[in-house]
C-alpha atoms as a PDB file:
ATOM      1  CA  MET A   1     109.714  43.159-116.478  1.00  0.00           C
ATOM      2  CA  LYS A   2     110.006  45.540-119.428  1.00  0.00           C
ATOM      3  CA  ILE A   3     110.523  43.581-122.641  1.00  0.00           C
ATOM      4  CA  ALA A   4     111.303  44.880-126.121  1.00  0.00           C
ATOM      5  CA  LEU A   5     109.934  42.425-128.694  1.00  0.00           C
ATOM      6  CA  ILE A   6     110.910  42.254-132.358  1.00  0.00           C
ATOM      7  CA  GLY A   7     108.816  40.208-134.788  1.00  0.00           C
ATOM      8  CA  ALA A   8     105.630  40.319-132.723  1.00  0.00           C
ATOM      9  CA  THR A   9     103.314  40.008-135.730  1.00  0.00           C
ATOM     10  CA  GLY A  10     104.631  36.615-136.849  1.00  0.00           C
ATOM     11  CA  THR A  11     103.233  33.222-135.866  1.00  0.00           C
ATOM     12  CA  ILE A  12     105.749  32.676-133.059  1.00  0.00           C
ATOM     13  CA  GLY A  13     106.076  36.343-132.151  1.00  0.00           C
ATOM     14  CA  GLN A  14     102.349  36.644-131.534  1.00  0.00           C
ATOM     15  CA  ARG A  15     102.495  33.761-129.060  1.00  0.00           C
ATOM     16  CA  ILE A  16     105.517  35.255-127.300  1.00  0.00           C
ATOM     17  CA  LEU A  17     103.654  38.551-126.940  1.00  0.00           C
ATOM     18  CA  LEU A  18     100.550  36.866-125.503  1.00  0.00           C
ATOM     19  CA  GLU A  19     102.606  34.741-123.102  1.00  0.00           C
ATOM     20  CA  ALA A  20     104.570  37.754-121.883  1.00  0.00           C
ATOM     21  CA  LEU A  21     101.400  39.756-121.300  1.00  0.00           C
ATOM     22  CA  SER A  22      99.724  36.851-119.484  1.00  0.00           C
ATOM     23  CA  ARG A  23     102.613  36.910-117.009  1.00  0.00           C
ATOM     24  CA  GLY A  24     102.189  40.614-116.330  1.00  0.00           C
ATOM     25  CA  HIS A  25     105.175  41.914-118.285  1.00  0.00           C
ATOM     26  CA  GLN A  26     105.180  45.249-120.078  1.00  0.00           C
ATOM     27  CA  VAL A  27     106.033  44.855-123.755  1.00  0.00           C
ATOM     28  CA  THR A  28     107.286  47.335-126.303  1.00  0.00           C
ATOM     29  CA  VAL A  29     106.745  45.966-129.780  1.00  0.00           C
ATOM     30  CA  ILE A  30     109.458  47.154-132.158  1.00  0.00           C
ATOM     31  CA  ALA A  31     108.185  47.277-135.716  1.00  0.00           C
ATOM     32  CA  ARG A  32     108.876  49.062-138.986  1.00  0.00           C
ATOM     33  CA  ASP A  33     105.133  49.624-139.442  1.00  0.00           C
ATOM     34  CA  PRO A  34     103.372  50.372-136.133  1.00  0.00           C
ATOM     35  CA  ALA A  35      99.997  50.188-137.891  1.00  0.00           C
ATOM     36  CA  ARG A  36     100.368  46.400-138.085  1.00  0.00           C
ATOM     37  CA  VAL A  37     100.467  46.084-134.292  1.00  0.00           C
ATOM     38  CA  GLN A  38      97.132  45.734-132.493  1.00  0.00           C
ATOM     39  CA  GLU A  39      96.556  47.921-129.460  1.00  0.00           C
ATOM     40  CA  ALA A  40      96.510  46.077-126.154  1.00  0.00           C
ATOM     41  CA  LYS A  41      96.941  46.716-122.459  1.00  0.00           C
ATOM     42  CA  ASN A  42     100.608  46.868-121.381  1.00  0.00           C
ATOM     43  CA  VAL A  43     101.745  47.082-125.018  1.00  0.00           C
ATOM     44  CA  GLN A  44     103.599  50.036-126.447  1.00  0.00           C
ATOM     45  CA  VAL A  45     104.884  50.341-129.989  1.00  0.00           C
ATOM     46  CA  ALA A  46     108.204  51.766-131.124  1.00  0.00           C
ATOM     47  CA  ILE A  47     109.507  52.184-134.655  1.00  0.00           C
ATOM     48  CA  GLY A  48     112.564  50.089-135.415  1.00  0.00           C
ATOM     49  CA  ASP A  49     114.162  48.320-138.366  1.00  0.00           C
ATOM     50  CA  VAL A  50     116.176  45.125-137.893  1.00  0.00           C
ATOM     51  CA  PHE A  51     118.600  46.341-140.566  1.00  0.00           C
ATOM     52  CA  LYS A  52     119.242  49.661-138.800  1.00  0.00           C
ATOM     53  CA  PRO A  53     121.073  49.107-135.487  1.00  0.00           C
ATOM     54  CA  GLU A  54     120.622  52.674-134.326  1.00  0.00           C
ATOM     55  CA  SER A  55     116.826  52.365-134.585  1.00  0.00           C
ATOM     56  CA  ILE A  56     116.862  49.150-132.549  1.00  0.00           C
ATOM     57  CA  ALA A  57     119.101  50.828-129.965  1.00  0.00           C
ATOM     58  CA  ARG A  58     116.700  53.744-129.556  1.00  0.00           C
ATOM     59  CA  ALA A  59     113.630  51.542-129.274  1.00  0.00           C
ATOM     60  CA  ALA A  60     115.178  48.990-126.897  1.00  0.00           C
ATOM     61  CA  ALA A  61     116.926  51.391-124.511  1.00  0.00           C
ATOM     62  CA  GLY A  62     115.608  51.250-120.949  1.00  0.00           C
ATOM     63  CA  HIS A  63     114.210  47.719-121.175  1.00  0.00           C
ATOM     64  CA  ASP A  64     115.183  44.708-119.083  1.00  0.00           C
ATOM     65  CA  ALA A  65     115.459  42.368-122.049  1.00  0.00           C
ATOM     66  CA  VAL A  66     115.133  42.190-125.819  1.00  0.00           C
ATOM     67  CA  ILE A  67     113.468  39.240-127.568  1.00  0.00           C
ATOM     68  CA  SER A  68     113.761  38.732-131.308  1.00  0.00           C
ATOM     69  CA  ALA A  69     111.303  36.545-133.193  1.00  0.00           C
ATOM     70  CA  TYR A  70     112.399  38.037-136.506  1.00  0.00           C
ATOM     71  CA  GLY A  71     112.274  35.763-139.521  1.00  0.00           C
ATOM     72  CA  PRO A  72     113.008  36.691-143.151  1.00  0.00           C
ATOM     73  CA  LYS A  73     110.476  36.283-145.921  1.00  0.00           C
ATOM     74  CA  HIS A  74     110.638  33.247-148.192  1.00  0.00           C
ATOM     75  CA  GLY A  75     113.286  33.845-150.812  1.00  0.00           C
ATOM     76  CA  GLU A  76     115.145  36.342-148.608  1.00  0.00           C
ATOM     77  CA  GLU A  77     116.703  33.845-146.217  1.00  0.00           C
ATOM     78  CA  SER A  78     120.210  35.191-146.798  1.00  0.00           C
ATOM     79  CA  SER A  79     119.159  38.455-145.127  1.00  0.00           C
ATOM     80  CA  LEU A  80     119.000  36.678-141.763  1.00  0.00           C
ATOM     81  CA  LEU A  81     122.749  37.018-141.200  1.00  0.00           C
ATOM     82  CA  THR A  82     122.682  40.739-141.924  1.00  0.00           C
ATOM     83  CA  ALA A  83     119.709  41.153-139.609  1.00  0.00           C
ATOM     84  CA  THR A  84     121.443  39.141-136.872  1.00  0.00           C
ATOM     85  CA  GLU A  85     124.571  41.289-137.045  1.00  0.00           C
ATOM     86  CA  SER A  86     122.419  44.417-136.962  1.00  0.00           C
ATOM     87  CA  LEU A  87     120.331  43.216-134.027  1.00  0.00           C
ATOM     88  CA  ILE A  88     123.383  42.260-131.980  1.00  0.00           C
ATOM     89  CA  GLU A  89     124.905  45.678-132.613  1.00  0.00           C
ATOM     90  CA  GLY A  90     121.641  47.482-131.898  1.00  0.00           C
ATOM     91  CA  VAL A  91     121.064  45.688-128.605  1.00  0.00           C
ATOM     92  CA  LYS A  92     124.641  46.438-127.555  1.00  0.00           C
ATOM     93  CA  GLN A  93     124.125  50.119-128.305  1.00  0.00           C
ATOM     94  CA  SER A  94     120.866  50.113-126.322  1.00  0.00           C
ATOM     95  CA  GLY A  95     122.631  49.162-123.103  1.00  0.00           C
ATOM     96  CA  VAL A  96     120.403  46.106-122.609  1.00  0.00           C
ATOM     97  CA  ARG A  97     122.424  42.990-121.784  1.00  0.00           C
ATOM     98  CA  ARG A  98     119.747  40.266-121.913  1.00  0.00           C
ATOM     99  CA  PHE A  99     118.901  39.175-125.450  1.00  0.00           C
ATOM    100  CA  LEU A 100     116.831  36.121-126.365  1.00  0.00           C
ATOM    101  CA  THR A 101     116.283  35.028-129.936  1.00  0.00           C
ATOM    102  CA  VAL A 102     114.126  32.533-131.811  1.00  0.00           C
ATOM    103  CA  GLY A 103     116.391  30.221-133.795  1.00  0.00           C
ATOM    104  CA  GLY A 104     116.056  27.256-136.097  1.00  0.00           C
ATOM    105  CA  ALA A 105     116.046  23.494-135.629  1.00  0.00           C
ATOM    106  CA  GLY A 106     118.264  22.557-138.569  1.00  0.00           C
ATOM    107  CA  SER A 107     121.492  22.950-136.609  1.00  0.00           C
ATOM    108  CA  LEU A 108     120.434  20.483-133.911  1.00  0.00           C
ATOM    109  CA  GLU A 109     122.414  17.248-133.864  1.00  0.00           C
ATOM    110  CA  VAL A 110     120.728  13.959-134.745  1.00  0.00           C
ATOM    111  CA  ALA A 111     124.019  12.096-134.259  1.00  0.00           C
ATOM    112  CA  PRO A 112     127.474  13.245-133.142  1.00  0.00           C
ATOM    113  CA  GLY A 113     128.566  15.883-135.633  1.00  0.00           C
ATOM    114  CA  VAL A 114     125.501  15.390-137.853  1.00  0.00           C
ATOM    115  CA  HIS A 115     122.991  18.234-138.044  1.00  0.00           C
ATOM    116  CA  LEU A 116     119.329  17.763-138.886  1.00  0.00           C
ATOM    117  CA  VAL A 117     119.664  19.984-141.969  1.00  0.00           C
ATOM    118  CA  ASP A 118     122.351  17.693-143.380  1.00  0.00           C
ATOM    119  CA  THR A 119     120.242  14.522-143.274  1.00  0.00           C
ATOM    120  CA  PRO A 120     118.795  13.127-146.529  1.00  0.00           C
ATOM    121  CA  GLU A 121     115.243  13.432-145.191  1.00  0.00           C
ATOM    122  CA  PHE A 122     115.449  17.174-144.574  1.00  0.00           C
ATOM    123  CA  PRO A 123     113.080  19.005-146.997  1.00  0.00           C
ATOM    124  CA  ASP A 124     114.906  20.958-149.699  1.00  0.00           C
ATOM    125  CA  ALA A 125     112.445  23.833-149.399  1.00  0.00           C
ATOM    126  CA  TRP A 126     113.467  24.439-145.784  1.00  0.00           C
ATOM    127  CA  LYS A 127     117.224  24.225-146.307  1.00  0.00           C
ATOM    128  CA  PRO A 128     117.902  27.917-147.090  1.00  0.00           C
ATOM    129  CA  ILE A 129     116.364  29.162-143.836  1.00  0.00           C
ATOM    130  CA  ALA A 130     117.818  26.272-141.815  1.00  0.00           C
ATOM    131  CA  LEU A 131     121.335  27.001-143.085  1.00  0.00           C
ATOM    132  CA  ALA A 132     120.878  30.717-142.460  1.00  0.00           C
ATOM    133  CA  HIS A 133     119.836  30.012-138.868  1.00  0.00           C
ATOM    134  CA  ARG A 134     122.848  27.743-138.416  1.00  0.00           C
ATOM    135  CA  ASP A 135     125.171  30.525-139.557  1.00  0.00           C
ATOM    136  CA  ALA A 136     123.366  33.010-137.306  1.00  0.00           C
ATOM    137  CA  LEU A 137     123.909  30.733-134.307  1.00  0.00           C
ATOM    138  CA  GLU A 138     127.646  30.915-134.930  1.00  0.00           C
ATOM    139  CA  LEU A 139     127.453  34.708-134.787  1.00  0.00           C
ATOM    140  CA  TYR A 140     125.833  34.470-131.366  1.00  0.00           C
ATOM    141  CA  ARG A 141     128.441  31.994-130.182  1.00  0.00           C
ATOM    142  CA  GLN A 142     131.121  34.567-130.960  1.00  0.00           C
ATOM    143  CA  GLU A 143     129.295  37.226-128.936  1.00  0.00           C
ATOM    144  CA  THR A 144     130.768  37.844-125.478  1.00  0.00           C
ATOM    145  CA  GLU A 145     129.210  41.139-124.378  1.00  0.00           C
ATOM    146  CA  LEU A 146     125.526  40.250-124.393  1.00  0.00           C
ATOM    147  CA  ASP A 147     123.807  37.685-122.183  1.00  0.00           C
ATOM    148  CA  TRP A 148     122.202  35.995-125.158  1.00  0.00           C
ATOM    149  CA  THR A 149     120.111  32.849-125.381  1.00  0.00           C
ATOM    150  CA  TYR A 150     119.227  31.106-128.647  1.00  0.00           C
ATOM    151  CA  LEU A 151     116.131  28.890-128.562  1.00  0.00           C
ATOM    152  CA  SER A 152     115.779  26.213-131.247  1.00  0.00           C
ATOM    153  CA  PRO A 153     112.337  24.672-131.712  1.00  0.00           C
ATOM    154  CA  ALA A 154     111.622  21.029-132.354  1.00  0.00           C
ATOM    155  CA  ALA A 155     111.776  19.811-135.952  1.00  0.00           C
ATOM    156  CA  LEU A 156     108.091  20.719-136.302  1.00  0.00           C
ATOM    157  CA  ILE A 157     106.619  23.845-134.724  1.00  0.00           C
ATOM    158  CA  GLU A 158     103.072  24.965-135.441  1.00  0.00           C
ATOM    159  CA  PRO A 159     100.149  26.641-133.673  1.00  0.00           C
ATOM    160  CA  GLY A 160      98.499  24.372-131.148  1.00  0.00           C
ATOM    161  CA  GLU A 161      97.812  23.948-127.462  1.00  0.00           C
ATOM    162  CA  ARG A 162      99.523  25.579-124.505  1.00  0.00           C
ATOM    163  CA  THR A 163     100.260  22.687-122.151  1.00  0.00           C
ATOM    164  CA  GLY A 164     103.289  23.983-120.264  1.00  0.00           C
ATOM    165  CA  GLN A 165     104.669  20.434-120.439  1.00  0.00           C
ATOM    166  CA  PHE A 166     107.740  19.762-122.591  1.00  0.00           C
ATOM    167  CA  ARG A 167     111.344  18.651-122.422  1.00  0.00           C
ATOM    168  CA  THR A 168     114.420  20.820-122.809  1.00  0.00           C
ATOM    169  CA  GLY A 169     117.864  20.031-124.178  1.00  0.00           C
ATOM    170  CA  THR A 170     120.855  21.828-125.602  1.00  0.00           C
ATOM    171  CA  ASP A 171     122.343  20.888-128.963  1.00  0.00           C
ATOM    172  CA  GLN A 172     120.631  17.576-129.716  1.00  0.00           C
ATOM    173  CA  LEU A 173     117.259  17.164-131.427  1.00  0.00           C
ATOM    174  CA  ILE A 174     114.631  15.935-128.953  1.00  0.00           C
ATOM    175  CA  THR A 175     112.318  13.198-130.218  1.00  0.00           C
ATOM    176  CA  ASP A 176     109.509  11.194-128.653  1.00  0.00           C
ATOM    177  CA  LYS A 177     109.223   7.409-128.494  1.00  0.00           C
ATOM    178  CA  ASN A 178     107.969   7.359-132.089  1.00  0.00           C
ATOM    179  CA  GLY A 179     110.914   9.379-133.343  1.00  0.00           C
ATOM    180  CA  ASP A 180     108.825  12.520-133.852  1.00  0.00           C
ATOM    181  CA  SER A 181     110.071  15.962-132.838  1.00  0.00           C
ATOM    182  CA  ARG A 182     107.454  18.645-132.358  1.00  0.00           C
ATOM    183  CA  ILE A 183     106.356  21.568-130.195  1.00  0.00           C
ATOM    184  CA  SER A 184     103.423  23.953-130.332  1.00  0.00           C
ATOM    185  CA  ALA A 185     104.182  27.625-130.895  1.00  0.00           C
ATOM    186  CA  GLU A 186     102.352  28.265-127.625  1.00  0.00           C
ATOM    187  CA  ASP A 187     104.617  25.987-125.580  1.00  0.00           C
ATOM    188  CA  PHE A 188     107.669  27.332-127.393  1.00  0.00           C
ATOM    189  CA  ALA A 189     106.663  30.756-126.079  1.00  0.00           C
ATOM    190  CA  VAL A 190     106.267  29.318-122.580  1.00  0.00           C
ATOM    191  CA  ALA A 191     109.813  27.942-122.728  1.00  0.00           C
ATOM    192  CA  LEU A 192     111.221  31.268-123.915  1.00  0.00           C
ATOM    193  CA  LEU A 193     109.517  33.252-121.149  1.00  0.00           C
ATOM    194  CA  ASP A 194     110.546  30.647-118.575  1.00  0.00           C
ATOM    195  CA  GLU A 195     114.145  31.186-119.649  1.00  0.00           C
ATOM    196  CA  LEU A 196     113.763  34.950-119.433  1.00  0.00           C
ATOM    197  CA  GLU A 197     112.368  34.797-115.914  1.00  0.00           C
ATOM    198  CA  ASN A 198     114.659  32.033-114.633  1.00  0.00           C
ATOM    199  CA  PRO A 199     117.802  31.954-116.792  1.00  0.00           C
ATOM    200  CA  ARG A 200     119.506  28.590-117.281  1.00  0.00           C
ATOM    201  CA  PHE A 201     121.058  28.997-120.701  1.00  0.00           C
ATOM    202  CA  ILE A 202     123.051  32.224-120.692  1.00  0.00           C
ATOM    203  CA  ARG A 203     125.238  32.411-123.822  1.00  0.00           C
ATOM    204  CA  GLN A 204     123.937  29.021-124.885  1.00  0.00           C
ATOM    205  CA  ARG A 205     121.503  27.455-127.308  1.00  0.00           C
ATOM    206  CA  PHE A 206     118.731  25.290-125.944  1.00  0.00           C
ATOM    207  CA  THR A 207     115.828  23.451-127.501  1.00  0.00           C
ATOM    208  CA  VAL A 208     112.359  22.270-126.514  1.00  0.00           C
ATOM    209  CA  ALA A 209     110.083  19.446-127.679  1.00  0.00           C
ATOM    210  CA  TYR A 210     107.478  17.044-126.325  1.00  0.00           C
END
């Protein structure tokens, strides 16, 4: 499969790239600065800016799917909505229908109608990005042309082990018997590529955790 990947130099994006390559996919990394992308077999690089839809359209055209692991810098969380609108428009213009995106966990429900980000325990430092991701999810839910999928991680996602063993859900936070919610970035990438290869959540959000 030919995949266009945005955000491949980030913590999660790097794992998505490695997982895609391990499965034999061809990946075009879309980046503003191609010099930041390491050369590798089955990897091409195309110049694209998440805030310029026409550049995304040019870079993504001719691919089977687009994956976005884009995340704004700290202090620039409000730019996520603008980037989301731009990416949706750019992918539409490219002619690619399948679009998968890395989302946030803050909008997952911990009780009926209660989101994780709205609980007293949620760290204040993470609220701006969590709220931005929640608003971005609503933009996807209004989108009817693309076959999008929005993947929310567990409450805690960090580099770790690739086990290939995890649970999936939709809009509710997944916790273990101790009440913890976590996933490795490696297994998050596994879940995303599984969904790409065998779609189960077209125009839906889903989540993964141990």
